[in-house]
N, C-alpha and C. Protein backbone atom coordinates (compact mmCIF):
# COMPACT_ATOMS: atom_id res chain seq x y z
N MET A 1 -45.35 -35.53 -9.62
CA MET A 1 -44.55 -36.42 -8.80
C MET A 1 -43.07 -36.27 -9.12
N ILE A 2 -42.73 -36.25 -10.43
CA ILE A 2 -41.33 -36.11 -10.82
C ILE A 2 -40.82 -34.71 -10.47
N LEU A 3 -41.69 -33.70 -10.64
CA LEU A 3 -41.30 -32.33 -10.34
C LEU A 3 -40.93 -32.18 -8.86
N ALA A 4 -41.70 -32.78 -7.98
CA ALA A 4 -41.41 -32.71 -6.55
C ALA A 4 -40.09 -33.41 -6.24
N SER A 5 -39.81 -34.50 -6.92
CA SER A 5 -38.57 -35.23 -6.70
C SER A 5 -37.37 -34.39 -7.14
N VAL A 6 -37.47 -33.72 -8.29
CA VAL A 6 -36.38 -32.89 -8.79
C VAL A 6 -36.18 -31.69 -7.86
N LEU A 7 -37.29 -31.09 -7.43
CA LEU A 7 -37.20 -29.95 -6.52
C LEU A 7 -36.56 -30.35 -5.19
N THR A 8 -36.95 -31.50 -4.66
CA THR A 8 -36.37 -31.98 -3.40
C THR A 8 -34.88 -32.27 -3.56
N THR A 9 -34.50 -32.88 -4.67
CA THR A 9 -33.09 -33.16 -4.92
C THR A 9 -32.28 -31.88 -5.02
N ASN A 10 -32.80 -30.90 -5.77
CA ASN A 10 -32.08 -29.63 -5.92
C ASN A 10 -31.97 -28.89 -4.59
N LEU A 11 -33.02 -28.91 -3.79
CA LEU A 11 -32.96 -28.26 -2.47
C LEU A 11 -31.96 -28.96 -1.55
N ALA A 12 -31.92 -30.28 -1.61
CA ALA A 12 -30.96 -31.02 -0.79
C ALA A 12 -29.53 -30.69 -1.20
N ILE A 13 -29.29 -30.60 -2.50
CA ILE A 13 -27.94 -30.24 -2.99
C ILE A 13 -27.58 -28.83 -2.54
N LEU A 14 -28.53 -27.90 -2.62
CA LEU A 14 -28.28 -26.52 -2.20
C LEU A 14 -27.93 -26.45 -0.71
N VAL A 15 -28.70 -27.14 0.11
CA VAL A 15 -28.45 -27.11 1.56
C VAL A 15 -27.11 -27.76 1.89
N LEU A 16 -26.81 -28.89 1.26
CA LEU A 16 -25.53 -29.55 1.52
C LEU A 16 -24.35 -28.70 1.04
N ALA A 17 -24.49 -28.07 -0.12
CA ALA A 17 -23.41 -27.21 -0.63
C ALA A 17 -23.18 -26.02 0.31
N GLY A 18 -24.27 -25.45 0.81
CA GLY A 18 -24.13 -24.34 1.77
C GLY A 18 -23.45 -24.79 3.05
N PHE A 19 -23.83 -25.95 3.56
CA PHE A 19 -23.22 -26.46 4.78
C PHE A 19 -21.74 -26.76 4.58
N ILE A 20 -21.40 -27.43 3.49
CA ILE A 20 -19.99 -27.76 3.22
C ILE A 20 -19.18 -26.48 3.01
N GLY A 21 -19.75 -25.51 2.30
CA GLY A 21 -19.06 -24.24 2.10
C GLY A 21 -18.78 -23.53 3.41
N PHE A 22 -19.77 -23.53 4.31
CA PHE A 22 -19.58 -22.90 5.62
C PHE A 22 -18.49 -23.60 6.42
N VAL A 23 -18.49 -24.93 6.42
CA VAL A 23 -17.49 -25.68 7.17
C VAL A 23 -16.09 -25.42 6.62
N VAL A 24 -15.96 -25.42 5.30
CA VAL A 24 -14.64 -25.22 4.68
C VAL A 24 -14.13 -23.80 4.95
N ILE A 25 -14.97 -22.81 4.78
CA ILE A 25 -14.54 -21.42 4.96
C ILE A 25 -14.23 -21.13 6.43
N SER A 26 -14.95 -21.73 7.35
CA SER A 26 -14.69 -21.46 8.77
C SER A 26 -13.35 -22.04 9.22
N LYS A 27 -12.80 -22.99 8.49
CA LYS A 27 -11.51 -23.59 8.84
C LYS A 27 -10.32 -22.82 8.25
N VAL A 28 -10.56 -21.81 7.44
CA VAL A 28 -9.48 -21.07 6.79
C VAL A 28 -8.84 -20.12 7.80
N PRO A 29 -7.51 -20.19 7.98
CA PRO A 29 -6.86 -19.25 8.91
C PRO A 29 -6.87 -17.83 8.34
N ASN A 30 -6.71 -16.87 9.24
CA ASN A 30 -6.76 -15.46 8.83
C ASN A 30 -5.70 -15.10 7.80
N THR A 31 -4.55 -15.74 7.86
CA THR A 31 -3.47 -15.38 6.94
C THR A 31 -3.78 -15.81 5.51
N LEU A 32 -4.67 -16.78 5.34
CA LEU A 32 -5.02 -17.22 3.99
C LEU A 32 -6.28 -16.55 3.46
N HIS A 33 -6.92 -15.73 4.27
CA HIS A 33 -8.17 -15.12 3.84
C HIS A 33 -7.96 -14.18 2.66
N THR A 34 -6.90 -13.37 2.68
CA THR A 34 -6.68 -12.40 1.62
C THR A 34 -6.40 -13.07 0.28
N PRO A 35 -5.52 -14.09 0.19
CA PRO A 35 -5.34 -14.74 -1.11
C PRO A 35 -6.61 -15.41 -1.63
N LEU A 36 -7.40 -15.99 -0.74
CA LEU A 36 -8.66 -16.60 -1.18
C LEU A 36 -9.63 -15.55 -1.68
N MET A 37 -9.62 -14.39 -1.04
CA MET A 37 -10.50 -13.30 -1.47
C MET A 37 -10.11 -12.84 -2.88
N SER A 38 -8.83 -12.77 -3.16
CA SER A 38 -8.39 -12.37 -4.48
C SER A 38 -8.77 -13.42 -5.52
N GLY A 39 -8.70 -14.68 -5.14
CA GLY A 39 -9.10 -15.75 -6.06
C GLY A 39 -10.58 -15.70 -6.39
N THR A 40 -11.42 -15.43 -5.39
CA THR A 40 -12.85 -15.34 -5.66
C THR A 40 -13.17 -14.10 -6.48
N ASN A 41 -12.39 -13.03 -6.32
CA ASN A 41 -12.59 -11.86 -7.17
C ASN A 41 -12.30 -12.20 -8.63
N ALA A 42 -11.29 -13.03 -8.87
CA ALA A 42 -10.99 -13.43 -10.25
C ALA A 42 -12.11 -14.29 -10.82
N ILE A 43 -12.67 -15.17 -10.01
CA ILE A 43 -13.79 -16.00 -10.47
C ILE A 43 -15.00 -15.12 -10.79
N HIS A 44 -15.27 -14.13 -9.96
CA HIS A 44 -16.40 -13.25 -10.24
C HIS A 44 -16.16 -12.43 -11.50
N GLY A 45 -14.89 -12.15 -11.80
CA GLY A 45 -14.58 -11.46 -13.06
C GLY A 45 -14.96 -12.30 -14.26
N ILE A 46 -14.72 -13.61 -14.17
CA ILE A 46 -15.09 -14.51 -15.27
C ILE A 46 -16.62 -14.57 -15.41
N VAL A 47 -17.31 -14.62 -14.28
CA VAL A 47 -18.77 -14.63 -14.31
C VAL A 47 -19.29 -13.33 -14.93
N LEU A 48 -18.67 -12.22 -14.59
CA LEU A 48 -19.08 -10.93 -15.15
C LEU A 48 -18.88 -10.91 -16.67
N LEU A 49 -17.77 -11.43 -17.14
CA LEU A 49 -17.54 -11.50 -18.59
C LEU A 49 -18.59 -12.37 -19.27
N GLY A 50 -18.94 -13.48 -18.66
CA GLY A 50 -19.99 -14.33 -19.22
C GLY A 50 -21.32 -13.60 -19.32
N GLY A 51 -21.66 -12.83 -18.30
CA GLY A 51 -22.90 -12.05 -18.35
C GLY A 51 -22.88 -11.00 -19.44
N LEU A 52 -21.72 -10.37 -19.62
CA LEU A 52 -21.61 -9.37 -20.69
C LEU A 52 -21.71 -10.02 -22.06
N LEU A 53 -21.13 -11.20 -22.22
CA LEU A 53 -21.24 -11.91 -23.50
C LEU A 53 -22.68 -12.32 -23.78
N LEU A 54 -23.39 -12.77 -22.76
CA LEU A 54 -24.79 -13.15 -22.95
C LEU A 54 -25.66 -11.94 -23.31
N LEU A 55 -25.33 -10.78 -22.78
CA LEU A 55 -26.09 -9.57 -23.12
C LEU A 55 -25.98 -9.24 -24.60
N GLY A 56 -24.87 -9.62 -25.23
CA GLY A 56 -24.67 -9.33 -26.64
C GLY A 56 -25.34 -10.31 -27.58
N LEU A 57 -25.90 -11.40 -27.06
CA LEU A 57 -26.55 -12.39 -27.92
C LEU A 57 -27.87 -11.84 -28.47
N PRO A 58 -28.13 -12.11 -29.73
CA PRO A 58 -29.44 -11.69 -30.28
C PRO A 58 -30.54 -12.66 -29.84
N GLY A 59 -31.76 -12.17 -29.84
CA GLY A 59 -32.90 -13.02 -29.56
C GLY A 59 -33.29 -13.12 -28.11
N LEU A 60 -32.72 -12.32 -27.23
CA LEU A 60 -33.12 -12.36 -25.82
C LEU A 60 -34.31 -11.43 -25.60
N ASP A 61 -35.27 -11.88 -24.81
CA ASP A 61 -36.42 -11.03 -24.52
C ASP A 61 -36.06 -9.98 -23.48
N GLY A 62 -36.98 -9.08 -23.21
CA GLY A 62 -36.72 -7.96 -22.30
C GLY A 62 -36.45 -8.41 -20.88
N LEU A 63 -37.16 -9.43 -20.41
CA LEU A 63 -36.95 -9.91 -19.04
C LEU A 63 -35.55 -10.49 -18.86
N SER A 64 -35.10 -11.27 -19.85
CA SER A 64 -33.76 -11.86 -19.77
C SER A 64 -32.69 -10.78 -19.76
N LYS A 65 -32.85 -9.79 -20.62
CA LYS A 65 -31.86 -8.71 -20.66
C LYS A 65 -31.88 -7.90 -19.36
N GLY A 66 -33.05 -7.67 -18.82
CA GLY A 66 -33.15 -6.94 -17.55
C GLY A 66 -32.47 -7.69 -16.41
N LEU A 67 -32.71 -9.00 -16.35
CA LEU A 67 -32.06 -9.80 -15.32
C LEU A 67 -30.55 -9.85 -15.51
N LEU A 68 -30.11 -9.91 -16.77
CA LEU A 68 -28.66 -9.90 -17.03
C LEU A 68 -28.03 -8.58 -16.63
N VAL A 69 -28.71 -7.49 -16.89
CA VAL A 69 -28.18 -6.17 -16.49
C VAL A 69 -28.05 -6.10 -14.97
N ILE A 70 -29.08 -6.59 -14.27
CA ILE A 70 -29.01 -6.59 -12.80
C ILE A 70 -27.88 -7.49 -12.32
N ALA A 71 -27.72 -8.66 -12.95
CA ALA A 71 -26.64 -9.58 -12.56
C ALA A 71 -25.27 -8.96 -12.82
N VAL A 72 -25.11 -8.29 -13.95
CA VAL A 72 -23.82 -7.66 -14.25
C VAL A 72 -23.55 -6.52 -13.27
N ALA A 73 -24.59 -5.77 -12.90
CA ALA A 73 -24.40 -4.68 -11.94
C ALA A 73 -23.98 -5.23 -10.58
N PHE A 74 -24.68 -6.26 -10.10
CA PHE A 74 -24.32 -6.85 -8.81
C PHE A 74 -22.94 -7.50 -8.86
N GLY A 75 -22.61 -8.14 -9.97
CA GLY A 75 -21.27 -8.73 -10.12
C GLY A 75 -20.19 -7.68 -10.07
N THR A 76 -20.43 -6.54 -10.73
CA THR A 76 -19.46 -5.45 -10.71
C THR A 76 -19.28 -4.90 -9.30
N ILE A 77 -20.39 -4.71 -8.60
CA ILE A 77 -20.31 -4.22 -7.22
C ILE A 77 -19.53 -5.21 -6.36
N ASN A 78 -19.76 -6.50 -6.56
CA ASN A 78 -19.08 -7.53 -5.79
C ASN A 78 -17.57 -7.52 -6.07
N ILE A 79 -17.20 -7.38 -7.32
CA ILE A 79 -15.77 -7.38 -7.68
C ILE A 79 -15.08 -6.14 -7.10
N VAL A 80 -15.67 -4.98 -7.31
CA VAL A 80 -15.04 -3.74 -6.82
C VAL A 80 -14.96 -3.76 -5.29
N GLY A 81 -16.03 -4.16 -4.64
CA GLY A 81 -16.01 -4.23 -3.18
C GLY A 81 -15.00 -5.24 -2.67
N GLY A 82 -14.89 -6.37 -3.36
CA GLY A 82 -13.92 -7.39 -2.95
C GLY A 82 -12.49 -6.88 -3.07
N PHE A 83 -12.19 -6.17 -4.15
CA PHE A 83 -10.83 -5.65 -4.30
C PHE A 83 -10.55 -4.55 -3.28
N LEU A 84 -11.55 -3.74 -2.96
CA LEU A 84 -11.35 -2.71 -1.93
C LEU A 84 -11.09 -3.34 -0.56
N VAL A 85 -11.84 -4.37 -0.24
CA VAL A 85 -11.63 -5.05 1.04
C VAL A 85 -10.26 -5.72 1.07
N THR A 86 -9.88 -6.36 -0.04
CA THR A 86 -8.57 -7.01 -0.11
C THR A 86 -7.45 -5.98 0.05
N ASP A 87 -7.58 -4.85 -0.62
CA ASP A 87 -6.56 -3.80 -0.51
C ASP A 87 -6.47 -3.28 0.92
N ARG A 88 -7.61 -3.12 1.56
CA ARG A 88 -7.60 -2.64 2.94
C ARG A 88 -6.96 -3.67 3.88
N MET A 89 -7.22 -4.95 3.63
CA MET A 89 -6.62 -5.98 4.46
C MET A 89 -5.11 -6.04 4.26
N LEU A 90 -4.66 -5.86 3.02
CA LEU A 90 -3.22 -5.88 2.76
C LEU A 90 -2.52 -4.69 3.39
N GLU A 91 -3.22 -3.56 3.55
CA GLU A 91 -2.64 -2.40 4.22
C GLU A 91 -2.28 -2.71 5.67
N MET A 92 -3.01 -3.63 6.29
CA MET A 92 -2.73 -3.97 7.69
C MET A 92 -1.39 -4.67 7.83
N PHE A 93 -0.92 -5.34 6.78
CA PHE A 93 0.32 -6.10 6.86
C PHE A 93 1.54 -5.27 6.48
N LYS A 94 1.35 -4.06 5.96
CA LYS A 94 2.49 -3.21 5.59
C LYS A 94 3.08 -2.60 6.85
N SER A 95 4.42 -2.47 6.84
CA SER A 95 5.07 -1.84 8.00
C SER A 95 4.86 -0.34 7.93
N LYS A 96 4.68 0.25 9.10
CA LYS A 96 4.45 1.68 9.17
C LYS A 96 5.78 2.40 9.03
N PRO A 97 5.79 3.59 8.41
CA PRO A 97 7.06 4.32 8.26
C PRO A 97 7.60 4.75 9.62
N LYS A 98 8.91 4.67 9.74
CA LYS A 98 9.56 5.06 11.00
C LYS A 98 9.56 6.58 11.12
N PRO A 99 9.40 7.11 12.33
CA PRO A 99 9.46 8.56 12.49
C PRO A 99 10.88 9.05 12.22
N PRO A 100 11.01 10.26 11.67
CA PRO A 100 12.35 10.78 11.38
C PRO A 100 13.15 11.01 12.65
N ALA A 101 14.47 10.97 12.51
CA ALA A 101 15.36 11.18 13.66
C ALA A 101 15.23 12.62 14.15
N LYS A 102 15.61 12.87 15.41
CA LYS A 102 15.48 14.20 15.99
C LYS A 102 16.37 15.21 15.29
N ALA A 103 17.52 14.80 14.77
CA ALA A 103 18.43 15.74 14.12
C ALA A 103 17.80 16.32 12.87
N GLU A 104 16.90 15.56 12.23
CA GLU A 104 16.26 16.05 11.02
C GLU A 104 15.08 16.95 11.32
N VAL A 105 14.54 16.88 12.51
CA VAL A 105 13.33 17.63 12.83
C VAL A 105 13.66 18.81 13.74
N GLU A 106 14.58 19.65 13.37
CA GLU A 106 14.91 20.81 14.18
C GLU A 106 14.85 22.07 13.34
N PRO A 107 13.67 22.49 12.91
CA PRO A 107 13.59 23.71 12.12
C PRO A 107 13.81 24.95 12.99
N ALA A 108 13.57 24.87 14.31
CA ALA A 108 13.73 26.03 15.17
C ALA A 108 15.21 26.40 15.31
N GLY A 109 16.11 25.44 15.30
CA GLY A 109 17.54 25.72 15.42
C GLY A 109 18.06 26.47 14.21
N GLU A 110 17.51 26.18 13.05
CA GLU A 110 17.97 26.85 11.84
C GLU A 110 17.40 28.25 11.74
N SER A 111 16.21 28.47 12.28
CA SER A 111 15.61 29.79 12.16
C SER A 111 16.19 30.77 13.17
N GLY A 112 16.99 30.31 14.12
CA GLY A 112 17.58 31.17 15.14
C GLY A 112 18.63 32.11 14.55
N GLY A 113 19.10 31.88 13.37
CA GLY A 113 20.09 32.75 12.75
C GLY A 113 21.31 31.97 12.36
N GLY A 114 22.04 32.48 11.39
CA GLY A 114 23.26 31.82 10.95
C GLY A 114 22.96 30.63 10.07
N SER A 115 23.97 29.82 9.87
CA SER A 115 23.81 28.66 9.00
C SER A 115 23.34 27.47 9.82
N GLY A 116 23.04 26.37 9.13
CA GLY A 116 22.60 25.15 9.80
C GLY A 116 23.71 24.60 10.68
N ALA A 117 24.98 24.79 10.30
CA ALA A 117 26.09 24.27 11.09
C ALA A 117 26.18 25.02 12.42
N ALA A 118 25.92 26.31 12.38
CA ALA A 118 25.97 27.07 13.62
C ALA A 118 24.86 26.62 14.56
N GLY A 119 23.69 26.31 14.00
CA GLY A 119 22.60 25.83 14.84
C GLY A 119 22.94 24.49 15.45
N ALA A 120 23.64 23.64 14.70
CA ALA A 120 24.03 22.33 15.22
C ALA A 120 25.08 22.50 16.31
N ASP A 121 26.01 23.46 16.11
CA ASP A 121 27.02 23.70 17.14
C ASP A 121 26.38 24.22 18.42
N SER A 122 25.42 25.12 18.28
CA SER A 122 24.80 25.66 19.49
C SER A 122 24.04 24.56 20.23
N GLY A 123 23.45 23.60 19.49
CA GLY A 123 22.77 22.49 20.15
C GLY A 123 23.75 21.62 20.88
N THR A 124 24.94 21.39 20.31
CA THR A 124 25.96 20.58 20.95
C THR A 124 26.48 21.29 22.19
N ALA A 125 26.67 22.60 22.06
CA ALA A 125 27.18 23.36 23.20
C ALA A 125 26.17 23.32 24.35
N GLY A 126 24.90 23.35 24.03
CA GLY A 126 23.89 23.30 25.08
C GLY A 126 23.91 21.97 25.79
N LYS A 127 24.18 20.90 25.08
CA LYS A 127 24.24 19.59 25.71
C LYS A 127 25.47 19.49 26.61
N GLU A 128 26.58 20.11 26.16
CA GLU A 128 27.79 20.05 26.99
C GLU A 128 27.58 20.82 28.28
N GLU A 129 26.93 21.97 28.16
CA GLU A 129 26.69 22.76 29.37
C GLU A 129 25.76 22.02 30.32
N GLY A 130 24.74 21.39 29.76
CA GLY A 130 23.80 20.66 30.60
C GLY A 130 24.49 19.49 31.27
N GLY A 131 25.43 18.84 30.59
CA GLY A 131 26.13 17.69 31.15
C GLY A 131 27.08 18.11 32.25
N GLY A 132 27.69 19.31 32.12
CA GLY A 132 28.67 19.74 33.10
C GLY A 132 28.04 20.24 34.39
N SER A 133 26.82 20.74 34.34
CA SER A 133 26.23 21.32 35.52
C SER A 133 25.59 20.30 36.43
N SER A 134 25.39 19.08 35.99
CA SER A 134 24.74 18.12 36.88
C SER A 134 25.68 17.34 37.69
């Protein structure tokens, strides 16, 4: 009788915590998602350290150590994946490099012969001729 009561209480707490967590997370704007993701990665790092410390305790049976190894592996995957996702999201907010100006991207003018100044003069002369004929 007591066991059923404890089980029912724990299940009710689990369901309510899941519901409240869903409601809270669904209200988070997109701009705050990345900082929250970094915060949860830090929390998972603390959990991972706790698992590693427990693995070093003497007197654990084989099942406990096996479960701890699995928990540490999943925690590590979660942390690494979280940081990769966070880094990818932050890349979206970086400004893209501007394309170089046309004066810098004229390798054909320099390969035509002479110095770079002569190539620039010939380009200017071509513009003057084009402007005069129209």
